[in-house]
Amino acid sequence: MSVSTQNDAIDFQQIPAVPTEPIWRFSIEQYHQMICQGILTEDDPVELLEGWLIPKMPKNPPHRVATKLTRNILEKLVPDGWYVDTQEPITLDNSEPEPDVVIVRGDTRDYLDRHPGAKDIALVVEVSDSTLERDKLGTACASRRTLKKRIYARANIPVYWIVNLVEQQVEVYTEPTNLLQEPTYQQRHDYQITETIPLVIEGVEVGRASVQNLLP
């Protein structure tokens, strides 16, 4: 039997534990109370997804660049009465994700006493670099293609984009369905680097975004 050295020692506190007993799910109200009372702060890298406190994945430079590029392009396309925000909370039924980019109805001052909700959202965008690969390996993370997609479909958010840096494409999901049973999007279209994506707000195409300009 080999003996581990100190350098090889495993820090078990850093390994996500899988509970073997029933655990508590938080409501949106309880989550907000924890924030208001200082139990959770800006230094805690978590978001509420389907009642669970899920660690947010760290962002590498290409992720940051793609987020900024996407915001810049969408800001040029959105019509009056809408604005673009990045990495800020939106409040849904049992989740409060922080999408990389989101198009919101109105003006940011309209949300001084609450975060935007599902009915205020025209589009959510998540940037994915290594996350999709981690999902294939089965590790515990907030999957853009499964958990996040299910959350946005359940909220009936009409359009969901994944800026997929690994495969150099943008996945566009539309037509949320089965909102109560198995929420998902009926349609998926993958746009390649030479293509442009229609930006649709409330069923109306308001412009087109080049995939190449969204990718670092």
N, C-alpha and C. Protein backbone atom coordinates (compact mmCIF):
# COMPACT_ATOMS: atom_id res chain seq x y z
N MET A 1 0.86 -1.20 0.00
CA MET A 1 0.00 0.00 0.00
C MET A 1 0.89 1.23 0.00
N SER A 2 0.65 2.15 -0.89
CA SER A 2 1.43 3.37 -0.93
C SER A 2 0.92 4.36 0.09
N VAL A 3 1.82 5.20 0.55
CA VAL A 3 1.48 6.21 1.56
C VAL A 3 1.52 7.57 0.91
N SER A 4 0.46 8.35 1.06
CA SER A 4 0.39 9.68 0.46
C SER A 4 1.28 10.63 1.24
N THR A 5 1.99 11.48 0.53
CA THR A 5 2.76 12.53 1.18
C THR A 5 1.85 13.68 1.50
N GLN A 6 2.39 14.66 2.22
CA GLN A 6 1.58 15.83 2.58
C GLN A 6 1.10 16.56 1.34
N ASN A 7 1.94 16.61 0.30
CA ASN A 7 1.57 17.31 -0.92
C ASN A 7 0.45 16.59 -1.67
N ASP A 8 0.35 15.27 -1.44
CA ASP A 8 -0.66 14.49 -2.13
C ASP A 8 -1.97 14.42 -1.35
N ALA A 9 -1.98 14.99 -0.14
CA ALA A 9 -3.16 14.89 0.71
C ALA A 9 -4.36 15.55 0.06
N ILE A 10 -5.52 14.94 0.25
CA ILE A 10 -6.76 15.46 -0.33
C ILE A 10 -7.43 16.39 0.65
N ASP A 11 -7.81 17.56 0.18
CA ASP A 11 -8.57 18.49 1.00
C ASP A 11 -10.04 18.16 0.83
N PHE A 12 -10.59 17.37 1.76
CA PHE A 12 -11.96 16.90 1.62
C PHE A 12 -12.96 18.03 1.72
N GLN A 13 -12.57 19.17 2.32
CA GLN A 13 -13.49 20.30 2.41
C GLN A 13 -13.74 20.92 1.04
N GLN A 14 -12.85 20.65 0.08
CA GLN A 14 -13.02 21.22 -1.25
C GLN A 14 -13.78 20.30 -2.19
N ILE A 15 -14.11 19.08 -1.74
CA ILE A 15 -14.82 18.13 -2.59
C ILE A 15 -16.32 18.23 -2.32
N PRO A 16 -17.15 18.54 -3.34
CA PRO A 16 -18.60 18.63 -3.11
C PRO A 16 -19.14 17.32 -2.56
N ALA A 17 -19.88 17.39 -1.49
CA ALA A 17 -20.44 16.19 -0.87
C ALA A 17 -21.82 15.91 -1.44
N VAL A 18 -22.12 14.65 -1.65
CA VAL A 18 -23.44 14.23 -2.10
C VAL A 18 -24.23 13.78 -0.86
N PRO A 19 -25.34 14.46 -0.54
CA PRO A 19 -26.07 14.11 0.69
C PRO A 19 -26.71 12.73 0.58
N THR A 20 -26.72 12.03 1.69
CA THR A 20 -27.36 10.71 1.76
C THR A 20 -28.70 10.77 2.47
N GLU A 21 -29.03 11.91 3.04
CA GLU A 21 -30.30 12.11 3.73
C GLU A 21 -31.06 13.25 3.05
N PRO A 22 -32.39 13.33 3.26
CA PRO A 22 -33.15 14.44 2.69
C PRO A 22 -32.60 15.78 3.19
N ILE A 23 -32.50 16.75 2.29
CA ILE A 23 -32.00 18.07 2.66
C ILE A 23 -33.01 19.13 2.28
N TRP A 24 -32.82 20.32 2.85
CA TRP A 24 -33.79 21.40 2.74
C TRP A 24 -33.61 22.16 1.44
N ARG A 25 -34.74 22.43 0.79
CA ARG A 25 -34.74 23.29 -0.39
C ARG A 25 -35.22 24.67 0.02
N PHE A 26 -34.56 25.70 -0.50
CA PHE A 26 -34.90 27.07 -0.14
C PHE A 26 -35.90 27.66 -1.12
N SER A 27 -36.80 28.46 -0.59
CA SER A 27 -37.69 29.24 -1.44
C SER A 27 -36.99 30.54 -1.82
N ILE A 28 -37.56 31.23 -2.80
CA ILE A 28 -37.03 32.54 -3.18
C ILE A 28 -37.02 33.48 -1.97
N GLU A 29 -38.11 33.46 -1.19
CA GLU A 29 -38.21 34.34 -0.03
C GLU A 29 -37.12 34.04 0.99
N GLN A 30 -36.87 32.77 1.26
CA GLN A 30 -35.82 32.40 2.21
C GLN A 30 -34.44 32.79 1.69
N TYR A 31 -34.24 32.63 0.40
CA TYR A 31 -32.97 33.03 -0.21
C TYR A 31 -32.74 34.53 -0.04
N HIS A 32 -33.78 35.31 -0.30
CA HIS A 32 -33.65 36.77 -0.14
C HIS A 32 -33.40 37.14 1.32
N GLN A 33 -34.02 36.43 2.24
CA GLN A 33 -33.80 36.71 3.66
C GLN A 33 -32.35 36.44 4.05
N MET A 34 -31.77 35.38 3.52
CA MET A 34 -30.36 35.09 3.82
C MET A 34 -29.44 36.19 3.29
N ILE A 35 -29.80 36.78 2.15
CA ILE A 35 -29.01 37.88 1.61
C ILE A 35 -29.19 39.13 2.46
N CYS A 36 -30.43 39.44 2.79
CA CYS A 36 -30.71 40.64 3.59
C CYS A 36 -30.06 40.58 4.97
N GLN A 37 -29.98 39.39 5.56
CA GLN A 37 -29.41 39.24 6.89
C GLN A 37 -27.90 39.02 6.88
N GLY A 38 -27.30 39.04 5.70
CA GLY A 38 -25.85 38.92 5.60
C GLY A 38 -25.34 37.50 5.70
N ILE A 39 -26.24 36.50 5.68
CA ILE A 39 -25.79 35.11 5.70
C ILE A 39 -25.09 34.77 4.39
N LEU A 40 -25.64 35.29 3.29
CA LEU A 40 -24.98 35.20 1.99
C LEU A 40 -24.57 36.61 1.58
N THR A 41 -23.36 36.75 1.08
CA THR A 41 -22.86 38.05 0.65
C THR A 41 -22.35 37.94 -0.78
N GLU A 42 -21.87 39.06 -1.31
CA GLU A 42 -21.31 39.07 -2.66
C GLU A 42 -20.07 38.20 -2.77
N ASP A 43 -19.47 37.88 -1.64
CA ASP A 43 -18.27 37.03 -1.66
C ASP A 43 -18.60 35.54 -1.75
N ASP A 44 -19.88 35.20 -1.64
CA ASP A 44 -20.30 33.80 -1.73
C ASP A 44 -20.70 33.49 -3.17
N PRO A 45 -19.90 32.71 -3.90
CA PRO A 45 -20.15 32.47 -5.33
C PRO A 45 -21.21 31.39 -5.55
N VAL A 46 -22.45 31.70 -5.20
CA VAL A 46 -23.54 30.75 -5.37
C VAL A 46 -24.73 31.45 -6.03
N GLU A 47 -25.62 30.65 -6.61
CA GLU A 47 -26.90 31.13 -7.10
C GLU A 47 -27.96 30.09 -6.77
N LEU A 48 -29.20 30.52 -6.65
CA LEU A 48 -30.29 29.62 -6.31
C LEU A 48 -30.88 29.03 -7.59
N LEU A 49 -30.78 27.71 -7.73
CA LEU A 49 -31.30 27.01 -8.91
C LEU A 49 -32.20 25.88 -8.44
N GLU A 50 -33.48 25.99 -8.75
CA GLU A 50 -34.49 24.99 -8.35
C GLU A 50 -34.45 24.70 -6.85
N GLY A 51 -34.21 25.76 -6.07
CA GLY A 51 -34.22 25.64 -4.62
C GLY A 51 -32.89 25.25 -4.01
N TRP A 52 -31.89 24.93 -4.83
CA TRP A 52 -30.57 24.53 -4.31
C TRP A 52 -29.59 25.68 -4.45
N LEU A 53 -28.68 25.79 -3.50
CA LEU A 53 -27.58 26.74 -3.62
C LEU A 53 -26.46 26.07 -4.42
N ILE A 54 -26.27 26.54 -5.64
CA ILE A 54 -25.33 25.91 -6.58
C ILE A 54 -24.11 26.82 -6.74
N PRO A 55 -22.90 26.28 -6.64
CA PRO A 55 -21.70 27.11 -6.87
C PRO A 55 -21.68 27.63 -8.31
N LYS A 56 -21.33 28.90 -8.44
CA LYS A 56 -21.15 29.46 -9.78
C LYS A 56 -19.77 29.08 -10.30
N MET A 57 -19.71 28.72 -11.58
CA MET A 57 -18.44 28.30 -12.17
C MET A 57 -17.53 29.52 -12.34
N PRO A 58 -16.24 29.37 -12.05
CA PRO A 58 -15.30 30.48 -12.30
C PRO A 58 -15.22 30.77 -13.79
N LYS A 59 -14.91 32.01 -14.13
CA LYS A 59 -14.91 32.45 -15.53
C LYS A 59 -13.49 32.70 -15.98
N ASN A 60 -13.13 32.10 -17.12
CA ASN A 60 -11.80 32.35 -17.66
C ASN A 60 -11.87 33.53 -18.64
N PRO A 61 -10.71 34.02 -19.13
CA PRO A 61 -10.73 35.21 -20.00
C PRO A 61 -11.61 35.08 -21.25
N PRO A 62 -11.60 33.96 -21.99
CA PRO A 62 -12.50 33.89 -23.15
C PRO A 62 -13.98 34.02 -22.78
N HIS A 63 -14.37 33.48 -21.63
CA HIS A 63 -15.75 33.62 -21.16
C HIS A 63 -16.08 35.09 -20.93
N ARG A 64 -15.17 35.80 -20.26
CA ARG A 64 -15.39 37.22 -19.99
C ARG A 64 -15.49 38.01 -21.29
N VAL A 65 -14.60 37.71 -22.24
CA VAL A 65 -14.60 38.44 -23.51
C VAL A 65 -15.89 38.17 -24.28
N ALA A 66 -16.32 36.90 -24.34
CA ALA A 66 -17.55 36.57 -25.07
C ALA A 66 -18.76 37.24 -24.45
N THR A 67 -18.80 37.31 -23.13
CA THR A 67 -19.90 38.00 -22.46
C THR A 67 -19.94 39.47 -22.85
N LYS A 68 -18.79 40.12 -22.84
CA LYS A 68 -18.72 41.54 -23.20
C LYS A 68 -19.09 41.75 -24.67
N LEU A 69 -18.58 40.90 -25.56
CA LEU A 69 -18.90 41.03 -26.98
C LEU A 69 -20.40 40.88 -27.22
N THR A 70 -21.00 39.88 -26.56
CA THR A 70 -22.44 39.65 -26.72
C THR A 70 -23.24 40.84 -26.23
N ARG A 71 -22.87 41.37 -25.10
CA ARG A 71 -23.59 42.54 -24.58
C ARG A 71 -23.47 43.72 -25.55
N ASN A 72 -22.25 43.98 -26.03
CA ASN A 72 -22.05 45.12 -26.93
C ASN A 72 -22.91 45.00 -28.19
N ILE A 73 -22.98 43.80 -28.77
CA ILE A 73 -23.74 43.61 -30.00
C ILE A 73 -25.24 43.75 -29.74
N LEU A 74 -25.72 43.14 -28.66
CA LEU A 74 -27.15 43.22 -28.38
C LEU A 74 -27.59 44.64 -28.05
N GLU A 75 -26.72 45.40 -27.40
CA GLU A 75 -27.08 46.79 -27.08
C GLU A 75 -27.29 47.62 -28.34
N LYS A 76 -26.63 47.25 -29.43
CA LYS A 76 -26.81 47.97 -30.70
C LYS A 76 -28.11 47.57 -31.40
N LEU A 77 -28.68 46.42 -31.00
CA LEU A 77 -29.84 45.90 -31.71
C LEU A 77 -31.17 46.10 -30.97
N VAL A 78 -31.14 46.19 -29.65
CA VAL A 78 -32.41 46.23 -28.92
C VAL A 78 -33.16 47.54 -29.20
N PRO A 79 -34.46 47.45 -29.38
CA PRO A 79 -35.26 48.65 -29.63
C PRO A 79 -35.52 49.41 -28.34
N ASP A 80 -36.10 50.60 -28.48
CA ASP A 80 -36.50 51.37 -27.31
C ASP A 80 -37.46 50.55 -26.46
N GLY A 81 -37.36 50.71 -25.16
CA GLY A 81 -38.22 49.98 -24.25
C GLY A 81 -37.59 48.70 -23.73
N TRP A 82 -36.33 48.46 -24.12
CA TRP A 82 -35.60 47.28 -23.64
C TRP A 82 -34.17 47.69 -23.34
N TYR A 83 -33.51 46.93 -22.44
CA TYR A 83 -32.10 47.18 -22.18
C TYR A 83 -31.38 45.85 -21.96
N VAL A 84 -30.06 45.89 -22.03
CA VAL A 84 -29.23 44.69 -21.89
C VAL A 84 -28.48 44.75 -20.56
N ASP A 85 -28.48 43.64 -19.84
CA ASP A 85 -27.75 43.55 -18.58
C ASP A 85 -26.87 42.31 -18.60
N THR A 86 -25.87 42.27 -17.71
CA THR A 86 -24.96 41.13 -17.68
C THR A 86 -24.73 40.67 -16.25
N GLN A 87 -24.83 39.35 -16.07
CA GLN A 87 -24.44 38.67 -14.83
C GLN A 87 -25.11 39.28 -13.60
N GLU A 88 -26.40 39.60 -13.74
CA GLU A 88 -27.20 40.12 -12.64
C GLU A 88 -28.39 39.18 -12.42
N PRO A 89 -28.94 39.15 -11.19
CA PRO A 89 -30.00 38.18 -10.89
C PRO A 89 -31.31 38.47 -11.62
N ILE A 90 -31.99 37.39 -11.98
CA ILE A 90 -33.39 37.48 -12.40
C ILE A 90 -34.17 36.52 -11.50
N THR A 91 -35.35 36.93 -11.07
CA THR A 91 -36.12 36.14 -10.11
C THR A 91 -37.18 35.33 -10.83
N LEU A 92 -37.06 34.00 -10.72
CA LEU A 92 -38.02 33.09 -11.33
C LEU A 92 -38.77 32.36 -10.22
N ASP A 93 -39.53 31.34 -10.56
CA ASP A 93 -40.42 30.69 -9.60
C ASP A 93 -39.66 30.11 -8.41
N ASN A 94 -38.65 29.28 -8.66
CA ASN A 94 -37.89 28.67 -7.57
C ASN A 94 -36.39 28.81 -7.80
N SER A 95 -36.01 29.78 -8.61
CA SER A 95 -34.61 29.98 -8.96
C SER A 95 -34.31 31.47 -9.07
N GLU A 96 -33.06 31.81 -8.82
CA GLU A 96 -32.60 33.17 -9.08
C GLU A 96 -31.22 33.11 -9.75
N PRO A 97 -31.21 32.69 -11.02
CA PRO A 97 -29.95 32.59 -11.75
C PRO A 97 -29.41 33.98 -12.09
N GLU A 98 -28.15 34.00 -12.50
CA GLU A 98 -27.50 35.24 -12.93
C GLU A 98 -26.94 35.02 -14.33
N PRO A 99 -27.80 35.13 -15.35
CA PRO A 99 -27.36 34.84 -16.72
C PRO A 99 -26.20 35.74 -17.12
N ASP A 100 -25.38 35.23 -18.05
CA ASP A 100 -24.27 36.03 -18.53
C ASP A 100 -24.77 37.30 -19.21
N VAL A 101 -25.82 37.18 -20.01
CA VAL A 101 -26.43 38.34 -20.67
C VAL A 101 -27.93 38.15 -20.68
N VAL A 102 -28.67 39.24 -20.55
CA VAL A 102 -30.13 39.17 -20.56
C VAL A 102 -30.69 40.45 -21.16
N ILE A 103 -31.78 40.31 -21.91
CA ILE A 103 -32.51 41.48 -22.43
C ILE A 103 -33.76 41.66 -21.59
N VAL A 104 -33.91 42.87 -21.02
CA VAL A 104 -34.95 43.14 -20.04
C VAL A 104 -35.84 44.28 -20.53
N ARG A 105 -37.11 44.15 -20.23
CA ARG A 105 -38.08 45.18 -20.58
C ARG A 105 -37.89 46.44 -19.72
N GLY A 106 -38.07 47.61 -20.35
CA GLY A 106 -38.08 48.85 -19.60
C GLY A 106 -36.71 49.46 -19.42
N ASP A 107 -36.49 50.02 -18.22
CA ASP A 107 -35.25 50.70 -17.86
C ASP A 107 -34.75 50.12 -16.55
N THR A 108 -33.44 50.15 -16.35
CA THR A 108 -32.89 49.56 -15.14
C THR A 108 -33.46 50.19 -13.87
N ARG A 109 -33.89 51.46 -13.93
CA ARG A 109 -34.48 52.10 -12.75
C ARG A 109 -35.87 51.55 -12.42
N ASP A 110 -36.44 50.79 -13.33
CA ASP A 110 -37.75 50.18 -13.05
C ASP A 110 -37.63 49.07 -12.01
N TYR A 111 -36.42 48.65 -11.69
CA TYR A 111 -36.23 47.48 -10.84
C TYR A 111 -35.45 47.83 -9.57
N LEU A 112 -35.82 48.95 -8.97
CA LEU A 112 -35.17 49.38 -7.74
C LEU A 112 -35.59 48.54 -6.54
N ASP A 113 -36.81 47.97 -6.58
CA ASP A 113 -37.29 47.22 -5.42
C ASP A 113 -37.44 45.73 -5.70
N ARG A 114 -37.01 45.28 -6.87
CA ARG A 114 -37.05 43.85 -7.20
C ARG A 114 -36.15 43.59 -8.38
N HIS A 115 -35.79 42.32 -8.57
CA HIS A 115 -35.07 41.92 -9.78
C HIS A 115 -36.07 41.67 -10.91
N PRO A 116 -35.64 41.77 -12.16
CA PRO A 116 -36.54 41.41 -13.26
C PRO A 116 -37.04 39.97 -13.12
N GLY A 117 -38.29 39.77 -13.52
CA GLY A 117 -38.89 38.44 -13.49
C GLY A 117 -39.06 37.87 -14.88
N ALA A 118 -39.64 36.69 -14.95
CA ALA A 118 -39.77 35.99 -16.23
C ALA A 118 -40.52 36.81 -17.27
N LYS A 119 -41.57 37.51 -16.87
CA LYS A 119 -42.37 38.28 -17.82
C LYS A 119 -41.65 39.52 -18.32
N ASP A 120 -40.54 39.86 -17.66
CA ASP A 120 -39.76 41.04 -18.07
C ASP A 120 -38.64 40.68 -19.04
N ILE A 121 -38.45 39.39 -19.31
CA ILE A 121 -37.27 38.92 -20.04
C ILE A 121 -37.64 38.52 -21.47
N ALA A 122 -36.87 39.04 -22.44
CA ALA A 122 -37.04 38.63 -23.84
C ALA A 122 -36.04 37.56 -24.25
N LEU A 123 -34.85 37.57 -23.65
CA LEU A 123 -33.79 36.66 -24.05
C LEU A 123 -32.83 36.47 -22.89
N VAL A 124 -32.41 35.22 -22.66
CA VAL A 124 -31.29 34.95 -21.76
C VAL A 124 -30.17 34.31 -22.56
N VAL A 125 -28.94 34.66 -22.22
CA VAL A 125 -27.76 34.12 -22.90
C VAL A 125 -26.80 33.59 -21.84
N GLU A 126 -26.32 32.37 -22.04
CA GLU A 126 -25.27 31.81 -21.20
C GLU A 126 -24.06 31.52 -22.09
N VAL A 127 -22.89 31.90 -21.62
CA VAL A 127 -21.64 31.59 -22.32
C VAL A 127 -21.07 30.31 -21.72
N SER A 128 -20.67 29.38 -22.56
CA SER A 128 -20.14 28.11 -22.08
C SER A 128 -18.80 27.83 -22.72
N ASP A 129 -17.80 27.57 -21.87
CA ASP A 129 -16.50 27.17 -22.37
C ASP A 129 -16.22 25.73 -21.98
N SER A 130 -15.70 25.51 -20.78
CA SER A 130 -15.42 24.13 -20.35
C SER A 130 -16.62 23.48 -19.69
N THR A 131 -17.67 24.25 -19.40
CA THR A 131 -18.80 23.69 -18.66
C THR A 131 -19.45 22.53 -19.39
N LEU A 132 -19.64 22.66 -20.70
CA LEU A 132 -20.28 21.58 -21.45
C LEU A 132 -19.43 20.32 -21.40
N GLU A 133 -18.11 20.48 -21.43
CA GLU A 133 -17.25 19.31 -21.35
C GLU A 133 -17.35 18.68 -19.97
N ARG A 134 -17.44 19.50 -18.93
CA ARG A 134 -17.59 18.95 -17.58
C ARG A 134 -18.89 18.17 -17.48
N ASP A 135 -19.94 18.67 -18.13
CA ASP A 135 -21.22 17.96 -18.09
C ASP A 135 -21.07 16.57 -18.70
N LYS A 136 -20.32 16.46 -19.79
CA LYS A 136 -20.14 15.17 -20.44
C LYS A 136 -19.41 14.19 -19.51
N LEU A 137 -18.55 14.75 -18.64
CA LEU A 137 -17.81 13.90 -17.72
C LEU A 137 -18.62 13.59 -16.46
N GLY A 138 -19.78 14.21 -16.34
CA GLY A 138 -20.68 13.86 -15.25
C GLY A 138 -20.40 14.56 -13.94
N THR A 139 -19.63 15.62 -13.92
CA THR A 139 -19.37 16.31 -12.67
C THR A 139 -20.53 17.21 -12.32
N ALA A 140 -20.58 17.62 -11.05
CA ALA A 140 -21.72 18.41 -10.57
C ALA A 140 -21.52 19.87 -10.92
N CYS A 141 -22.29 20.38 -11.85
CA CYS A 141 -22.23 21.79 -12.19
C CYS A 141 -23.57 22.18 -12.80
N ALA A 142 -23.79 23.49 -12.88
CA ALA A 142 -25.04 23.99 -13.43
C ALA A 142 -24.99 23.94 -14.95
N SER A 143 -25.49 22.90 -15.53
CA SER A 143 -25.38 22.69 -16.96
C SER A 143 -26.23 23.67 -17.74
N ARG A 144 -25.61 24.26 -18.75
CA ARG A 144 -26.35 25.16 -19.63
C ARG A 144 -27.37 24.39 -20.45
N ARG A 145 -27.05 23.14 -20.81
CA ARG A 145 -27.93 22.37 -21.69
C ARG A 145 -29.01 21.60 -20.93
N THR A 146 -28.88 21.46 -19.64
CA THR A 146 -29.86 20.67 -18.90
C THR A 146 -30.54 21.52 -17.83
N LEU A 147 -29.85 21.77 -16.73
CA LEU A 147 -30.46 22.49 -15.61
C LEU A 147 -30.89 23.90 -15.99
N LYS A 148 -29.98 24.68 -16.54
CA LYS A 148 -30.33 26.06 -16.89
C LYS A 148 -31.42 26.08 -17.97
N LYS A 149 -31.31 25.20 -18.94
CA LYS A 149 -32.33 25.17 -19.99
C LYS A 149 -33.69 24.84 -19.41
N ARG A 150 -33.74 23.88 -18.50
CA ARG A 150 -35.01 23.51 -17.87
C ARG A 150 -35.59 24.67 -17.06
N ILE A 151 -34.73 25.38 -16.34
CA ILE A 151 -35.19 26.51 -15.53
C ILE A 151 -35.78 27.60 -16.41
N TYR A 152 -35.10 27.94 -17.50
CA TYR A 152 -35.59 29.02 -18.36
C TYR A 152 -36.85 28.60 -19.11
N ALA A 153 -36.92 27.34 -19.51
CA ALA A 153 -38.14 26.87 -20.18
C ALA A 153 -39.32 26.87 -19.21
N ARG A 154 -39.11 26.42 -17.97
CA ARG A 154 -40.20 26.41 -16.99
C ARG A 154 -40.73 27.82 -16.75
N ALA A 155 -39.83 28.80 -16.79
CA ALA A 155 -40.24 30.20 -16.59
C ALA A 155 -40.90 30.78 -17.83
N ASN A 156 -40.96 30.00 -18.91
CA ASN A 156 -41.57 30.42 -20.18
C ASN A 156 -40.83 31.60 -20.80
N ILE A 157 -39.52 31.65 -20.57
CA ILE A 157 -38.70 32.66 -21.25
C ILE A 157 -38.59 32.25 -22.71
N PRO A 158 -38.97 33.11 -23.64
CA PRO A 158 -39.20 32.67 -25.02
C PRO A 158 -37.95 32.23 -25.79
N VAL A 159 -36.80 32.84 -25.51
CA VAL A 159 -35.60 32.53 -26.29
C VAL A 159 -34.40 32.39 -25.35
N TYR A 160 -33.62 31.34 -25.58
CA TYR A 160 -32.44 31.06 -24.79
C TYR A 160 -31.28 30.76 -25.72
N TRP A 161 -30.18 31.50 -25.56
CA TRP A 161 -28.97 31.27 -26.36
C TRP A 161 -27.88 30.68 -25.49
N ILE A 162 -27.11 29.74 -26.05
CA ILE A 162 -25.84 29.31 -25.46
C ILE A 162 -24.73 29.69 -26.44
N VAL A 163 -23.86 30.60 -26.02
CA VAL A 163 -22.67 30.92 -26.81
C VAL A 163 -21.63 29.86 -26.46
N ASN A 164 -21.50 28.88 -27.33
CA ASN A 164 -20.71 27.68 -27.08
C ASN A 164 -19.30 27.88 -27.63
N LEU A 165 -18.37 28.22 -26.73
CA LEU A 165 -17.01 28.51 -27.15
C LEU A 165 -16.25 27.25 -27.54
N VAL A 166 -16.62 26.12 -26.96
CA VAL A 166 -15.93 24.86 -27.25
C VAL A 166 -16.15 24.45 -28.70
N GLU A 167 -17.41 24.53 -29.14
CA GLU A 167 -17.76 24.09 -30.50
C GLU A 167 -17.90 25.26 -31.47
N GLN A 168 -17.58 26.47 -31.00
CA GLN A 168 -17.58 27.65 -31.86
C GLN A 168 -18.91 27.83 -32.59
N GLN A 169 -19.98 27.82 -31.84
CA GLN A 169 -21.30 28.01 -32.39
C GLN A 169 -22.20 28.64 -31.32
N VAL A 170 -23.37 29.08 -31.75
CA VAL A 170 -24.38 29.58 -30.83
C VAL A 170 -25.62 28.71 -30.96
N GLU A 171 -26.06 28.15 -29.85
CA GLU A 171 -27.26 27.32 -29.83
C GLU A 171 -28.45 28.19 -29.43
N VAL A 172 -29.48 28.17 -30.24
CA VAL A 172 -30.67 28.99 -29.99
C VAL A 172 -31.85 28.07 -29.71
N TYR A 173 -32.43 28.24 -28.53
CA TYR A 173 -33.58 27.43 -28.10
C TYR A 173 -34.82 28.31 -28.06
N THR A 174 -35.91 27.82 -28.64
CA THR A 174 -37.16 28.58 -28.68
C THR A 174 -38.35 27.65 -28.42
N GLU A 175 -39.50 28.24 -28.22
CA GLU A 175 -40.77 27.55 -28.02
C GLU A 175 -40.75 26.67 -26.76
N PRO A 176 -40.71 27.29 -25.57
CA PRO A 176 -40.78 26.50 -24.34
C PRO A 176 -42.07 25.70 -24.27
N THR A 177 -41.98 24.48 -23.73
CA THR A 177 -43.13 23.59 -23.69
C THR A 177 -43.09 22.71 -22.45
N ASN A 178 -44.23 22.04 -22.15
CA ASN A 178 -44.35 21.16 -20.98
C ASN A 178 -43.85 21.85 -19.72
N LEU A 179 -44.39 23.04 -19.47
CA LEU A 179 -43.84 23.89 -18.42
C LEU A 179 -43.95 23.28 -17.04
N LEU A 180 -44.95 22.44 -16.78
CA LEU A 180 -45.14 21.87 -15.46
C LEU A 180 -44.53 20.48 -15.33
N GLN A 181 -44.60 19.66 -16.39
CA GLN A 181 -44.13 18.28 -16.29
C GLN A 181 -42.61 18.19 -16.56
N GLU A 182 -42.23 18.31 -17.79
CA GLU A 182 -40.81 18.22 -18.17
C GLU A 182 -40.47 19.42 -19.04
N PRO A 183 -40.24 20.56 -18.42
CA PRO A 183 -40.01 21.77 -19.21
C PRO A 183 -38.77 21.68 -20.08
N THR A 184 -38.93 22.11 -21.32
CA THR A 184 -37.82 22.13 -22.27
C THR A 184 -38.19 23.09 -23.39
N TYR A 185 -37.33 23.21 -24.38
CA TYR A 185 -37.63 24.00 -25.57
C TYR A 185 -37.85 23.06 -26.74
N GLN A 186 -38.92 23.32 -27.52
CA GLN A 186 -39.24 22.44 -28.64
C GLN A 186 -38.24 22.57 -29.78
N GLN A 187 -37.70 23.76 -29.96
CA GLN A 187 -36.84 24.00 -31.11
C GLN A 187 -35.42 24.35 -30.67
N ARG A 188 -34.46 23.78 -31.38
CA ARG A 188 -33.05 24.14 -31.20
C ARG A 188 -32.44 24.32 -32.58
N HIS A 189 -31.74 25.43 -32.75
CA HIS A 189 -31.03 25.67 -34.00
C HIS A 189 -29.61 26.10 -33.66
N ASP A 190 -28.62 25.42 -34.25
CA ASP A 190 -27.22 25.75 -34.02
C ASP A 190 -26.72 26.63 -35.16
N TYR A 191 -26.23 27.81 -34.79
CA TYR A 191 -25.71 28.76 -35.77
C TYR A 191 -24.19 28.69 -35.79
N GLN A 192 -23.64 28.50 -36.98
CA GLN A 192 -22.20 28.34 -37.13
C GLN A 192 -21.54 29.70 -37.31
N ILE A 193 -20.20 29.69 -37.33
CA ILE A 193 -19.43 30.92 -37.25
C ILE A 193 -19.67 31.85 -38.45
N THR A 194 -20.09 31.30 -39.57
CA THR A 194 -20.33 32.13 -40.76
C THR A 194 -21.76 32.65 -40.84
N GLU A 195 -22.61 32.31 -39.88
CA GLU A 195 -24.02 32.65 -39.95
C GLU A 195 -24.36 33.83 -39.04
N THR A 196 -25.58 34.34 -39.24
CA THR A 196 -26.10 35.39 -38.36
C THR A 196 -27.37 34.88 -37.67
N ILE A 197 -27.58 35.37 -36.46
CA ILE A 197 -28.70 34.90 -35.64
C ILE A 197 -29.77 35.99 -35.59
N PRO A 198 -31.02 35.67 -35.87
CA PRO A 198 -32.07 36.67 -35.71
C PRO A 198 -32.31 36.96 -34.23
N LEU A 199 -32.36 38.22 -33.89
CA LEU A 199 -32.72 38.62 -32.53
C LEU A 199 -34.22 38.89 -32.53
N VAL A 200 -34.96 38.04 -31.82
CA VAL A 200 -36.43 38.12 -31.82
C VAL A 200 -36.89 38.56 -30.44
N ILE A 201 -37.66 39.64 -30.42
CA ILE A 201 -38.23 40.16 -29.17
C ILE A 201 -39.74 40.22 -29.34
N GLU A 202 -40.45 39.51 -28.49
CA GLU A 202 -41.91 39.44 -28.54
C GLU A 202 -42.39 39.06 -29.93
N GLY A 203 -41.72 38.07 -30.52
CA GLY A 203 -42.14 37.53 -31.81
C GLY A 203 -41.73 38.34 -33.02
N VAL A 204 -41.00 39.43 -32.82
CA VAL A 204 -40.61 40.30 -33.93
C VAL A 204 -39.09 40.30 -34.06
N GLU A 205 -38.58 40.05 -35.26
CA GLU A 205 -37.14 40.14 -35.49
C GLU A 205 -36.73 41.61 -35.52
N VAL A 206 -35.82 41.98 -34.62
CA VAL A 206 -35.39 43.38 -34.51
C VAL A 206 -33.98 43.60 -35.03
N GLY A 207 -33.32 42.53 -35.44
CA GLY A 207 -31.96 42.64 -35.97
C GLY A 207 -31.32 41.28 -36.06
N ARG A 208 -30.06 41.28 -36.51
CA ARG A 208 -29.33 40.01 -36.61
C ARG A 208 -27.94 40.20 -36.04
N ALA A 209 -27.44 39.14 -35.38
CA ALA A 209 -26.11 39.17 -34.77
C ALA A 209 -25.22 38.14 -35.46
N SER A 210 -24.03 38.54 -35.83
CA SER A 210 -23.07 37.62 -36.45
C SER A 210 -22.46 36.74 -35.38
N VAL A 211 -22.47 35.42 -35.62
CA VAL A 211 -21.85 34.50 -34.67
C VAL A 211 -20.38 34.82 -34.50
N GLN A 212 -19.70 35.13 -35.57
CA GLN A 212 -18.27 35.42 -35.51
C GLN A 212 -17.98 36.59 -34.57
N ASN A 213 -18.87 37.57 -34.54
CA ASN A 213 -18.66 38.72 -33.67
C ASN A 213 -18.99 38.44 -32.21
N LEU A 214 -19.67 37.33 -31.94
CA LEU A 214 -19.98 36.96 -30.55
C LEU A 214 -18.85 36.14 -29.93
N LEU A 215 -18.01 35.53 -30.75
CA LEU A 215 -16.96 34.64 -30.27
C LEU A 215 -15.63 35.38 -30.13
N PRO A 216 -14.87 35.06 -29.09
CA PRO A 216 -13.56 35.73 -28.89
C PRO A 216 -12.60 35.49 -30.04
